[in-house]
PDB file of all heavy atoms in Angstrom:
ATOM      1  N   ASP A   1     -14.226   7.828  -0.324  1.00  0.00           N
ATOM      2  CA  ASP A   1     -13.325   7.917  -1.472  1.00  0.00           C
ATOM      3  C   ASP A   1     -11.872   7.622  -1.101  1.00  0.00           C
ATOM      4  O   ASP A   1     -10.990   7.818  -1.942  1.00  0.00           O
ATOM      5  CB  ASP A   1     -13.424   9.322  -2.079  1.00  0.00           C
ATOM      6  CG  ASP A   1     -14.761   9.633  -2.703  1.00  0.00           C
ATOM      7  OD1 ASP A   1     -15.272   8.746  -3.386  1.00  0.00           O
ATOM      8  OD2 ASP A   1     -15.305  10.721  -2.454  1.00  0.00           O
ATOM      9  N   THR A   2     -11.610   7.132   0.094  1.00  0.00           N
ATOM     10  CA  THR A   2     -10.238   6.932   0.543  1.00  0.00           C
ATOM     11  C   THR A   2     -10.112   5.679   1.361  1.00  0.00           C
ATOM     12  O   THR A   2     -10.932   5.427   2.233  1.00  0.00           O
ATOM     13  CB  THR A   2      -9.728   8.115   1.333  1.00  0.00           C
ATOM     14  OG1 THR A   2     -10.241   9.357   0.803  1.00  0.00           O
ATOM     15  CG2 THR A   2      -8.201   8.172   1.340  1.00  0.00           C
ATOM     16  N   LEU A   3      -9.033   4.926   1.115  1.00  0.00           N
ATOM     17  CA  LEU A   3      -8.743   3.723   1.906  1.00  0.00           C
ATOM     18  C   LEU A   3      -7.345   3.808   2.460  1.00  0.00           C
ATOM     19  O   LEU A   3      -6.448   4.426   1.916  1.00  0.00           O
ATOM     20  CB  LEU A   3      -8.811   2.484   0.991  1.00  0.00           C
ATOM     21  CG  LEU A   3     -10.063   2.116   0.278  1.00  0.00           C
ATOM     22  CD1 LEU A   3      -9.819   0.866  -0.584  1.00  0.00           C
ATOM     23  CD2 LEU A   3     -11.235   1.930   1.207  1.00  0.00           C
ATOM     24  N   TYR A   4      -7.165   3.106   3.596  1.00  0.00           N
ATOM     25  CA  TYR A   4      -5.831   2.714   4.013  1.00  0.00           C
ATOM     26  C   TYR A   4      -5.615   1.295   3.446  1.00  0.00           C
ATOM     27  O   TYR A   4      -6.473   0.432   3.591  1.00  0.00           O
ATOM     28  CB  TYR A   4      -5.695   2.640   5.540  1.00  0.00           C
ATOM     29  CG  TYR A   4      -5.571   3.968   6.195  1.00  0.00           C
ATOM     30  CD1 TYR A   4      -6.460   4.368   7.177  1.00  0.00           C
ATOM     31  CD2 TYR A   4      -4.501   4.845   5.851  1.00  0.00           C
ATOM     32  CE1 TYR A   4      -6.327   5.594   7.805  1.00  0.00           C
ATOM     33  CE2 TYR A   4      -4.405   6.081   6.479  1.00  0.00           C
ATOM     34  CZ  TYR A   4      -5.298   6.451   7.438  1.00  0.00           C
ATOM     35  OH  TYR A   4      -5.175   7.672   8.073  1.00  0.00           O
ATOM     36  N   VAL A   5      -4.454   1.048   2.828  1.00  0.00           N
ATOM     37  CA  VAL A   5      -4.197  -0.211   2.149  1.00  0.00           C
ATOM     38  C   VAL A   5      -2.815  -0.721   2.545  1.00  0.00           C
ATOM     39  O   VAL A   5      -1.801   0.000   2.387  1.00  0.00           O
ATOM     40  CB  VAL A   5      -4.258  -0.051   0.627  1.00  0.00           C
ATOM     41  CG1 VAL A   5      -3.907  -1.376  -0.051  1.00  0.00           C
ATOM     42  CG2 VAL A   5      -5.629   0.402   0.197  1.00  0.00           C
ATOM     43  N   GLY A   6      -2.763  -1.934   3.021  1.00  0.00           N
ATOM     44  CA  GLY A   6      -1.504  -2.690   3.142  1.00  0.00           C
ATOM     45  C   GLY A   6      -1.623  -3.888   2.261  1.00  0.00           C
ATOM     46  O   GLY A   6      -2.541  -4.707   2.424  1.00  0.00           O
ATOM     47  N   THR A   7      -0.742  -4.021   1.285  1.00  0.00           N
ATOM     48  CA  THR A   7      -0.857  -5.122   0.336  1.00  0.00           C
ATOM     49  C   THR A   7       0.538  -5.357  -0.297  1.00  0.00           C
ATOM     50  O   THR A   7       1.532  -4.787   0.145  1.00  0.00           O
ATOM     51  CB  THR A   7      -1.918  -4.823  -0.749  1.00  0.00           C
ATOM     52  OG1 THR A   7      -2.141  -5.991  -1.525  1.00  0.00           O
ATOM     53  CG2 THR A   7      -1.474  -3.682  -1.670  1.00  0.00           C
ATOM     54  N   ASP A   8       0.577  -6.179  -1.327  1.00  0.00           N
ATOM     55  CA  ASP A   8       1.811  -6.418  -2.062  1.00  0.00           C
ATOM     56  C   ASP A   8       1.962  -5.309  -3.111  1.00  0.00           C
ATOM     57  O   ASP A   8       1.382  -5.361  -4.171  1.00  0.00           O
ATOM     58  CB  ASP A   8       1.749  -7.797  -2.724  1.00  0.00           C
ATOM     59  CG  ASP A   8       3.073  -8.167  -3.391  1.00  0.00           C
ATOM     60  OD1 ASP A   8       3.970  -7.278  -3.490  1.00  0.00           O
ATOM     61  OD2 ASP A   8       3.209  -9.319  -3.832  1.00  0.00           O
ATOM     62  N   PHE A   9       2.721  -4.293  -2.747  1.00  0.00           N
ATOM     63  CA  PHE A   9       2.973  -3.185  -3.677  1.00  0.00           C
ATOM     64  C   PHE A   9       4.150  -3.460  -4.592  1.00  0.00           C
ATOM     65  O   PHE A   9       4.493  -2.625  -5.424  1.00  0.00           O
ATOM     66  CB  PHE A   9       3.257  -1.886  -2.888  1.00  0.00           C
ATOM     67  CG  PHE A   9       2.089  -1.393  -2.091  1.00  0.00           C
ATOM     68  CD1 PHE A   9       2.085  -1.513  -0.698  1.00  0.00           C
ATOM     69  CD2 PHE A   9       0.990  -0.802  -2.703  1.00  0.00           C
ATOM     70  CE1 PHE A   9       1.024  -1.034   0.040  1.00  0.00           C
ATOM     71  CE2 PHE A   9      -0.072  -0.333  -1.976  1.00  0.00           C
ATOM     72  CZ  PHE A   9      -0.067  -0.467  -0.598  1.00  0.00           C
ATOM     73  N   GLY A  10       4.790  -4.599  -4.447  1.00  0.00           N
ATOM     74  CA  GLY A  10       5.966  -4.910  -5.229  1.00  0.00           C
ATOM     75  C   GLY A  10       7.132  -5.248  -4.337  1.00  0.00           C
ATOM     76  O   GLY A  10       7.018  -5.366  -3.103  1.00  0.00           O
ATOM     77  N   PRO A  11       8.334  -5.416  -4.931  1.00  0.00           N
ATOM     78  CA  PRO A  11       9.505  -5.782  -4.150  1.00  0.00           C
ATOM     79  C   PRO A  11       9.722  -4.894  -2.934  1.00  0.00           C
ATOM     80  O   PRO A  11       9.647  -3.671  -3.030  1.00  0.00           O
ATOM     81  CB  PRO A  11      10.650  -5.646  -5.169  1.00  0.00           C
ATOM     82  CG  PRO A  11      10.008  -5.859  -6.502  1.00  0.00           C
ATOM     83  CD  PRO A  11       8.630  -5.251  -6.367  1.00  0.00           C
ATOM     84  N   GLY A  12       9.980  -5.535  -1.764  1.00  0.00           N
ATOM     85  CA  GLY A  12      10.260  -4.804  -0.541  1.00  0.00           C
ATOM     86  C   GLY A  12       9.037  -4.391   0.244  1.00  0.00           C
ATOM     87  O   GLY A  12       9.202  -3.828   1.341  1.00  0.00           O
ATOM     88  N   SER A  13       7.846  -4.638  -0.275  1.00  0.00           N
ATOM     89  CA  SER A  13       6.667  -4.157   0.425  1.00  0.00           C
ATOM     90  C   SER A  13       6.065  -5.179   1.385  1.00  0.00           C
ATOM     91  O   SER A  13       5.091  -4.873   2.090  1.00  0.00           O
ATOM     92  CB  SER A  13       5.580  -3.745  -0.581  1.00  0.00           C
ATOM     93  OG  SER A  13       5.095  -4.876  -1.346  1.00  0.00           O
ATOM     94  N   LEU A  14       6.602  -6.402   1.414  1.00  0.00           N
ATOM     95  CA  LEU A  14       6.103  -7.443   2.296  1.00  0.00           C
ATOM     96  C   LEU A  14       7.150  -7.772   3.373  1.00  0.00           C
ATOM     97  O   LEU A  14       8.340  -7.577   3.148  1.00  0.00           O
ATOM     98  CB  LEU A  14       5.771  -8.709   1.510  1.00  0.00           C
ATOM     99  CG  LEU A  14       4.671  -8.589   0.445  1.00  0.00           C
ATOM    100  CD1 LEU A  14       4.477  -9.940  -0.236  1.00  0.00           C
ATOM    101  CD2 LEU A  14       3.351  -8.109   1.024  1.00  0.00           C
ATOM    102  N   THR A  15       6.670  -8.286   4.477  1.00  0.00           N
ATOM    103  CA  THR A  15       7.595  -8.754   5.512  1.00  0.00           C
ATOM    104  C   THR A  15       8.149 -10.104   5.118  1.00  0.00           C
ATOM    105  O   THR A  15       7.712 -10.741   4.162  1.00  0.00           O
ATOM    106  CB  THR A  15       6.877  -8.861   6.868  1.00  0.00           C
ATOM    107  OG1 THR A  15       5.859  -9.913   6.791  1.00  0.00           O
ATOM    108  CG2 THR A  15       6.219  -7.557   7.256  1.00  0.00           C
ATOM    109  N   ASP A  16       9.116 -10.581   5.916  1.00  0.00           N
ATOM    110  CA  ASP A  16       9.639 -11.918   5.669  1.00  0.00           C
ATOM    111  C   ASP A  16       8.581 -13.003   5.820  1.00  0.00           C
ATOM    112  O   ASP A  16       8.720 -14.106   5.297  1.00  0.00           O
ATOM    113  CB  ASP A  16      10.789 -12.203   6.662  1.00  0.00           C
ATOM    114  CG  ASP A  16      11.985 -11.284   6.421  1.00  0.00           C
ATOM    115  OD1 ASP A  16      12.099 -10.710   5.344  1.00  0.00           O
ATOM    116  OD2 ASP A  16      12.809 -11.155   7.360  1.00  0.00           O
ATOM    117  N   SER A  17       7.502 -12.699   6.550  1.00  0.00           N
ATOM    118  CA  SER A  17       6.409 -13.653   6.741  1.00  0.00           C
ATOM    119  C   SER A  17       5.391 -13.585   5.610  1.00  0.00           C
ATOM    120  O   SER A  17       4.435 -14.373   5.603  1.00  0.00           O
ATOM    121  CB  SER A  17       5.703 -13.341   8.074  1.00  0.00           C
ATOM    122  OG  SER A  17       6.586 -13.489   9.162  1.00  0.00           O
ATOM    123  N   GLY A  18       5.537 -12.644   4.687  1.00  0.00           N
ATOM    124  CA  GLY A  18       4.639 -12.590   3.559  1.00  0.00           C
ATOM    125  C   GLY A  18       3.421 -11.709   3.741  1.00  0.00           C
ATOM    126  O   GLY A  18       2.475 -11.782   2.940  1.00  0.00           O
ATOM    127  N   TYR A  19       3.467 -10.878   4.793  1.00  0.00           N
ATOM    128  CA  TYR A  19       2.319  -9.977   5.067  1.00  0.00           C
ATOM    129  C   TYR A  19       2.719  -8.530   4.773  1.00  0.00           C
ATOM    130  O   TYR A  19       3.903  -8.231   4.618  1.00  0.00           O
ATOM    131  CB  TYR A  19       1.882 -10.127   6.528  1.00  0.00           C
ATOM    132  CG  TYR A  19       1.319 -11.494   6.841  1.00  0.00           C
ATOM    133  CD1 TYR A  19       2.089 -12.450   7.520  1.00  0.00           C
ATOM    134  CD2 TYR A  19       0.020 -11.829   6.470  1.00  0.00           C
ATOM    135  CE1 TYR A  19       1.560 -13.685   7.818  1.00  0.00           C
ATOM    136  CE2 TYR A  19      -0.510 -13.093   6.751  1.00  0.00           C
ATOM    137  CZ  TYR A  19       0.261 -14.015   7.437  1.00  0.00           C
ATOM    138  OH  TYR A  19      -0.242 -15.239   7.701  1.00  0.00           O
ATOM    139  N   PRO A  20       1.758  -7.596   4.703  1.00  0.00           N
ATOM    140  CA  PRO A  20       2.116  -6.214   4.363  1.00  0.00           C
ATOM    141  C   PRO A  20       3.120  -5.597   5.312  1.00  0.00           C
ATOM    142  O   PRO A  20       3.001  -5.746   6.553  1.00  0.00           O
ATOM    143  CB  PRO A  20       0.770  -5.490   4.449  1.00  0.00           C
ATOM    144  CG  PRO A  20      -0.260  -6.538   4.166  1.00  0.00           C
ATOM    145  CD  PRO A  20       0.322  -7.813   4.788  1.00  0.00           C
ATOM    146  N   ARG A  21       4.079  -4.857   4.774  1.00  0.00           N
ATOM    147  CA  ARG A  21       5.067  -4.119   5.538  1.00  0.00           C
ATOM    148  C   ARG A  21       4.807  -2.624   5.441  1.00  0.00           C
ATOM    149  O   ARG A  21       5.279  -1.855   6.302  1.00  0.00           O
ATOM    150  CB  ARG A  21       6.488  -4.417   5.000  1.00  0.00           C
ATOM    151  CG  ARG A  21       7.621  -3.854   5.849  1.00  0.00           C
ATOM    152  CD  ARG A  21       8.948  -3.923   5.139  1.00  0.00           C
ATOM    153  NE  ARG A  21       9.032  -3.109   3.948  1.00  0.00           N
ATOM    154  CZ  ARG A  21       9.224  -1.792   3.925  1.00  0.00           C
ATOM    155  NH1 ARG A  21       9.364  -1.131   5.073  1.00  0.00           N
ATOM    156  NH2 ARG A  21       9.269  -1.106   2.781  1.00  0.00           N
ATOM    157  N   VAL A  22       4.007  -2.222   4.465  1.00  0.00           N
ATOM    158  CA  VAL A  22       3.781  -0.814   4.174  1.00  0.00           C
ATOM    159  C   VAL A  22       2.265  -0.547   4.120  1.00  0.00           C
ATOM    160  O   VAL A  22       1.528  -1.359   3.552  1.00  0.00           O
ATOM    161  CB  VAL A  22       4.407  -0.415   2.818  1.00  0.00           C
ATOM    162  CG1 VAL A  22       4.120   1.030   2.472  1.00  0.00           C
ATOM    163  CG2 VAL A  22       5.917  -0.675   2.857  1.00  0.00           C
ATOM    164  N   ILE A  23       1.815   0.546   4.682  1.00  0.00           N
ATOM    165  CA  ILE A  23       0.432   0.960   4.557  1.00  0.00           C
ATOM    166  C   ILE A  23       0.402   2.307   3.834  1.00  0.00           C
ATOM    167  O   ILE A  23       1.159   3.217   4.169  1.00  0.00           O
ATOM    168  CB  ILE A  23      -0.257   1.085   5.938  1.00  0.00           C
ATOM    169  CG1 ILE A  23      -0.393  -0.310   6.579  1.00  0.00           C
ATOM    170  CG2 ILE A  23      -1.615   1.738   5.835  1.00  0.00           C
ATOM    171  CD1 ILE A  23      -0.939  -0.290   7.962  1.00  0.00           C
ATOM    172  N   LYS A  24      -0.485   2.394   2.858  1.00  0.00           N
ATOM    173  CA  LYS A  24      -0.606   3.622   2.070  1.00  0.00           C
ATOM    174  C   LYS A  24      -2.038   4.153   2.109  1.00  0.00           C
ATOM    175  O   LYS A  24      -2.961   3.414   2.393  1.00  0.00           O
ATOM    176  CB  LYS A  24      -0.198   3.339   0.595  1.00  0.00           C
ATOM    177  CG  LYS A  24       1.259   2.886   0.440  1.00  0.00           C
ATOM    178  CD  LYS A  24       1.676   2.802  -1.024  1.00  0.00           C
ATOM    179  CE  LYS A  24       3.143   2.405  -1.148  1.00  0.00           C
ATOM    180  NZ  LYS A  24       3.628   2.525  -2.538  1.00  0.00           N
ATOM    181  N   ARG A  25      -2.146   5.445   1.813  1.00  0.00           N
ATOM    182  CA  ARG A  25      -3.461   6.057   1.690  1.00  0.00           C
ATOM    183  C   ARG A  25      -3.766   6.202   0.213  1.00  0.00           C
ATOM    184  O   ARG A  25      -3.035   6.763  -0.550  1.00  0.00           O
ATOM    185  CB  ARG A  25      -3.448   7.456   2.355  1.00  0.00           C
ATOM    186  CG  ARG A  25      -4.844   8.108   2.423  1.00  0.00           C
ATOM    187  CD  ARG A  25      -4.826   9.411   3.201  1.00  0.00           C
ATOM    188  NE  ARG A  25      -3.843  10.355   2.709  1.00  0.00           N
ATOM    189  CZ  ARG A  25      -2.744  10.732   3.359  1.00  0.00           C
ATOM    190  NH1 ARG A  25      -2.477  10.231   4.546  1.00  0.00           N
ATOM    191  NH2 ARG A  25      -1.920  11.609   2.841  1.00  0.00           N
ATOM    192  N   TRP A  26      -4.922   5.589  -0.153  1.00  0.00           N
ATOM    193  CA  TRP A  26      -5.258   5.462  -1.597  1.00  0.00           C
ATOM    194  C   TRP A  26      -6.578   6.178  -1.878  1.00  0.00           C
ATOM    195  O   TRP A  26      -7.604   5.856  -1.254  1.00  0.00           O
ATOM    196  CB  TRP A  26      -5.373   3.973  -1.925  1.00  0.00           C
ATOM    197  CG  TRP A  26      -5.601   3.661  -3.369  1.00  0.00           C
ATOM    198  CD1 TRP A  26      -5.361   4.443  -4.480  1.00  0.00           C
ATOM    199  CD2 TRP A  26      -6.182   2.433  -3.904  1.00  0.00           C
ATOM    200  NE1 TRP A  26      -5.694   3.807  -5.625  1.00  0.00           N
ATOM    201  CE2 TRP A  26      -6.203   2.577  -5.321  1.00  0.00           C
ATOM    202  CE3 TRP A  26      -6.618   1.271  -3.323  1.00  0.00           C
ATOM    203  CZ2 TRP A  26      -6.697   1.557  -6.147  1.00  0.00           C
ATOM    204  CZ3 TRP A  26      -7.126   0.256  -4.135  1.00  0.00           C
ATOM    205  CH2 TRP A  26      -7.130   0.405  -5.525  1.00  0.00           C
ATOM    206  N   ARG A  27      -6.541   7.144  -2.791  1.00  0.00           N
ATOM    207  CA  ARG A  27      -7.737   7.886  -3.137  1.00  0.00           C
ATOM    208  C   ARG A  27      -8.402   7.299  -4.370  1.00  0.00           C
ATOM    209  O   ARG A  27      -7.719   6.821  -5.304  1.00  0.00           O
ATOM    210  CB  ARG A  27      -7.407   9.379  -3.355  1.00  0.00           C
ATOM    211  CG  ARG A  27      -7.038  10.139  -2.102  1.00  0.00           C
ATOM    212  CD  ARG A  27      -7.107  11.625  -2.320  1.00  0.00           C
ATOM    213  NE  ARG A  27      -8.426  12.081  -2.775  1.00  0.00           N
ATOM    214  CZ  ARG A  27      -9.476  12.258  -1.946  1.00  0.00           C
ATOM    215  NH1 ARG A  27      -9.365  12.004  -0.663  1.00  0.00           N
ATOM    216  NH2 ARG A  27     -10.633  12.668  -2.425  1.00  0.00           N
ATOM    217  N   ARG A  28      -9.726   7.342  -4.345  1.00  0.00           N
ATOM    218  CA  ARG A  28     -10.527   6.847  -5.437  1.00  0.00           C
ATOM    219  C   ARG A  28     -10.112   7.527  -6.760  1.00  0.00           C
ATOM    220  O   ARG A  28      -9.831   8.740  -6.793  1.00  0.00           O
ATOM    221  CB  ARG A  28     -12.003   7.108  -5.166  1.00  0.00           C
ATOM    222  CG  ARG A  28     -12.933   6.545  -6.247  1.00  0.00           C
ATOM    223  CD  ARG A  28     -14.380   6.860  -5.962  1.00  0.00           C
ATOM    224  NE  ARG A  28     -14.821   6.306  -4.708  1.00  0.00           N
ATOM    225  CZ  ARG A  28     -15.193   5.033  -4.525  1.00  0.00           C
ATOM    226  NH1 ARG A  28     -15.135   4.175  -5.540  1.00  0.00           N
ATOM    227  NH2 ARG A  28     -15.597   4.614  -3.329  1.00  0.00           N
ATOM    228  N   GLY A  29     -10.059   6.761  -7.817  1.00  0.00           N
ATOM    229  CA  GLY A  29      -9.775   7.288  -9.145  1.00  0.00           C
ATOM    230  C   GLY A  29      -8.309   7.474  -9.447  1.00  0.00           C
ATOM    231  O   GLY A  29      -7.951   7.926 -10.542  1.00  0.00           O
ATOM    232  N   THR A  30      -7.443   7.133  -8.491  1.00  0.00           N
ATOM    233  CA  THR A  30      -5.997   7.240  -8.724  1.00  0.00           C
ATOM    234  C   THR A  30      -5.393   5.842  -8.787  1.00  0.00           C
ATOM    235  O   THR A  30      -5.907   4.895  -8.141  1.00  0.00           O
ATOM    236  CB  THR A  30      -5.283   8.047  -7.626  1.00  0.00           C
ATOM    237  OG1 THR A  30      -5.433   7.352  -6.385  1.00  0.00           O
ATOM    238  CG2 THR A  30      -5.922   9.437  -7.501  1.00  0.00           C
ATOM    239  N   PRO A  31      -4.303   5.665  -9.518  1.00  0.00           N
ATOM    240  CA  PRO A  31      -3.663   4.332  -9.590  1.00  0.00           C
ATOM    241  C   PRO A  31      -3.130   3.946  -8.207  1.00  0.00           C
ATOM    242  O   PRO A  31      -2.687   4.804  -7.417  1.00  0.00           O
ATOM    243  CB  PRO A  31      -2.501   4.527 -10.592  1.00  0.00           C
ATOM    244  CG  PRO A  31      -2.846   5.769 -11.349  1.00  0.00           C
ATOM    245  CD  PRO A  31      -3.609   6.649 -10.399  1.00  0.00           C
ATOM    246  N   LEU A  32      -3.140   2.657  -7.909  1.00  0.00           N
ATOM    247  CA  LEU A  32      -2.587   2.169  -6.650  1.00  0.00           C
ATOM    248  C   LEU A  32      -1.126   2.565  -6.506  1.00  0.00           C
ATOM    249  O   LEU A  32      -0.671   2.857  -5.392  1.00  0.00           O
ATOM    250  CB  LEU A  32      -2.741   0.651  -6.571  1.00  0.00           C
ATOM    251  CG  LEU A  32      -2.245  -0.034  -5.303  1.00  0.00           C
ATOM    252  CD1 LEU A  32      -3.004   0.474  -4.084  1.00  0.00           C
ATOM    253  CD2 LEU A  32      -2.362  -1.559  -5.414  1.00  0.00           C
ATOM    254  N   ALA A  33      -0.428   2.636  -7.635  1.00  0.00           N
ATOM    255  CA  ALA A  33       0.977   3.021  -7.589  1.00  0.00           C
ATOM    256  C   ALA A  33       1.170   4.451  -7.087  1.00  0.00           C
ATOM    257  O   ALA A  33       2.280   4.799  -6.623  1.00  0.00           O
ATOM    258  CB  ALA A  33       1.584   2.892  -8.986  1.00  0.00           C
ATOM    259  N   ASP A  34       0.140   5.257  -7.132  1.00  0.00           N
ATOM    260  CA  ASP A  34       0.242   6.668  -6.679  1.00  0.00           C
ATOM    261  C   ASP A  34      -0.185   6.821  -5.216  1.00  0.00           C
ATOM    262  O   ASP A  34      -0.174   7.968  -4.693  1.00  0.00           O
ATOM    263  CB  ASP A  34      -0.611   7.580  -7.554  1.00  0.00           C
ATOM    264  CG  ASP A  34      -0.058   7.718  -8.971  1.00  0.00           C
ATOM    265  OD1 ASP A  34       1.105   7.318  -9.181  1.00  0.00           O
ATOM    266  OD2 ASP A  34      -0.786   8.188  -9.853  1.00  0.00           O
ATOM    267  N   ALA A  35      -0.589   5.743  -4.571  1.00  0.00           N
ATOM    268  CA  ALA A  35      -0.987   5.837  -3.172  1.00  0.00           C
ATOM    269  C   ALA A  35       0.176   6.323  -2.323  1.00  0.00           C
ATOM    270  O   ALA A  35       1.327   5.989  -2.582  1.00  0.00           O
ATOM    271  CB  ALA A  35      -1.501   4.483  -2.680  1.00  0.00           C
ATOM    272  N   VAL A  36      -0.131   7.074  -1.276  1.00  0.00           N
ATOM    273  CA  VAL A  36       0.887   7.719  -0.471  1.00  0.00           C
ATOM    274  C   VAL A  36       1.189   6.896   0.755  1.00  0.00           C
ATOM    275  O   VAL A  36       0.302   6.506   1.515  1.00  0.00           O
ATOM    276  CB  VAL A  36       0.416   9.145  -0.001  1.00  0.00           C
ATOM    277  CG1 VAL A  36       1.465   9.804   0.870  1.00  0.00           C
ATOM    278  CG2 VAL A  36       0.105   9.993  -1.247  1.00  0.00           C
ATOM    279  N   THR A  37       2.480   6.592   0.980  1.00  0.00           N
ATOM    280  CA  THR A  37       2.914   5.824   2.140  1.00  0.00           C
ATOM    281  C   THR A  37       2.676   6.629   3.417  1.00  0.00           C
ATOM    282  O   THR A  37       3.114   7.792   3.527  1.00  0.00           O
ATOM    283  CB  THR A  37       4.395   5.438   2.020  1.00  0.00           C
ATOM    284  OG1 THR A  37       4.580   4.602   0.880  1.00  0.00           O
ATOM    285  CG2 THR A  37       4.860   4.696   3.273  1.00  0.00           C
ATOM    286  N   VAL A  38       2.004   6.002   4.393  1.00  0.00           N
ATOM    287  CA  VAL A  38       1.752   6.670   5.662  1.00  0.00           C
ATOM    288  C   VAL A  38       2.324   5.917   6.851  1.00  0.00           C
ATOM    289  O   VAL A  38       2.439   6.481   7.938  1.00  0.00           O
ATOM    290  CB  VAL A  38       0.238   6.879   5.872  1.00  0.00           C
ATOM    291  CG1 VAL A  38      -0.334   7.842   4.874  1.00  0.00           C
ATOM    292  CG2 VAL A  38      -0.527   5.526   5.820  1.00  0.00           C
ATOM    293  N   PHE A  39       2.720   4.648   6.652  1.00  0.00           N
ATOM    294  CA  PHE A  39       3.239   3.873   7.772  1.00  0.00           C
ATOM    295  C   PHE A  39       4.066   2.731   7.222  1.00  0.00           C
ATOM    296  O   PHE A  39       3.724   2.132   6.204  1.00  0.00           O
ATOM    297  CB  PHE A  39       2.075   3.330   8.613  1.00  0.00           C
ATOM    298  CG  PHE A  39       2.501   2.662   9.884  1.00  0.00           C
ATOM    299  CD1 PHE A  39       2.941   3.427  10.960  1.00  0.00           C
ATOM    300  CD2 PHE A  39       2.473   1.270  10.012  1.00  0.00           C
ATOM    301  CE1 PHE A  39       3.339   2.812  12.153  1.00  0.00           C
ATOM    302  CE2 PHE A  39       2.864   0.665  11.177  1.00  0.00           C
ATOM    303  CZ  PHE A  39       3.285   1.435  12.284  1.00  0.00           C
TER     304      PHE A  39
END
């Protein structure tokens, strides 16, 4: 029921190279916007 996710979360969430800059913990049944930043 839980993932670690690095993706395009919006402005500022990608590196200058276009890859994920932020990793969040995402629980099933919750919006991606509510995922908790862990790294």
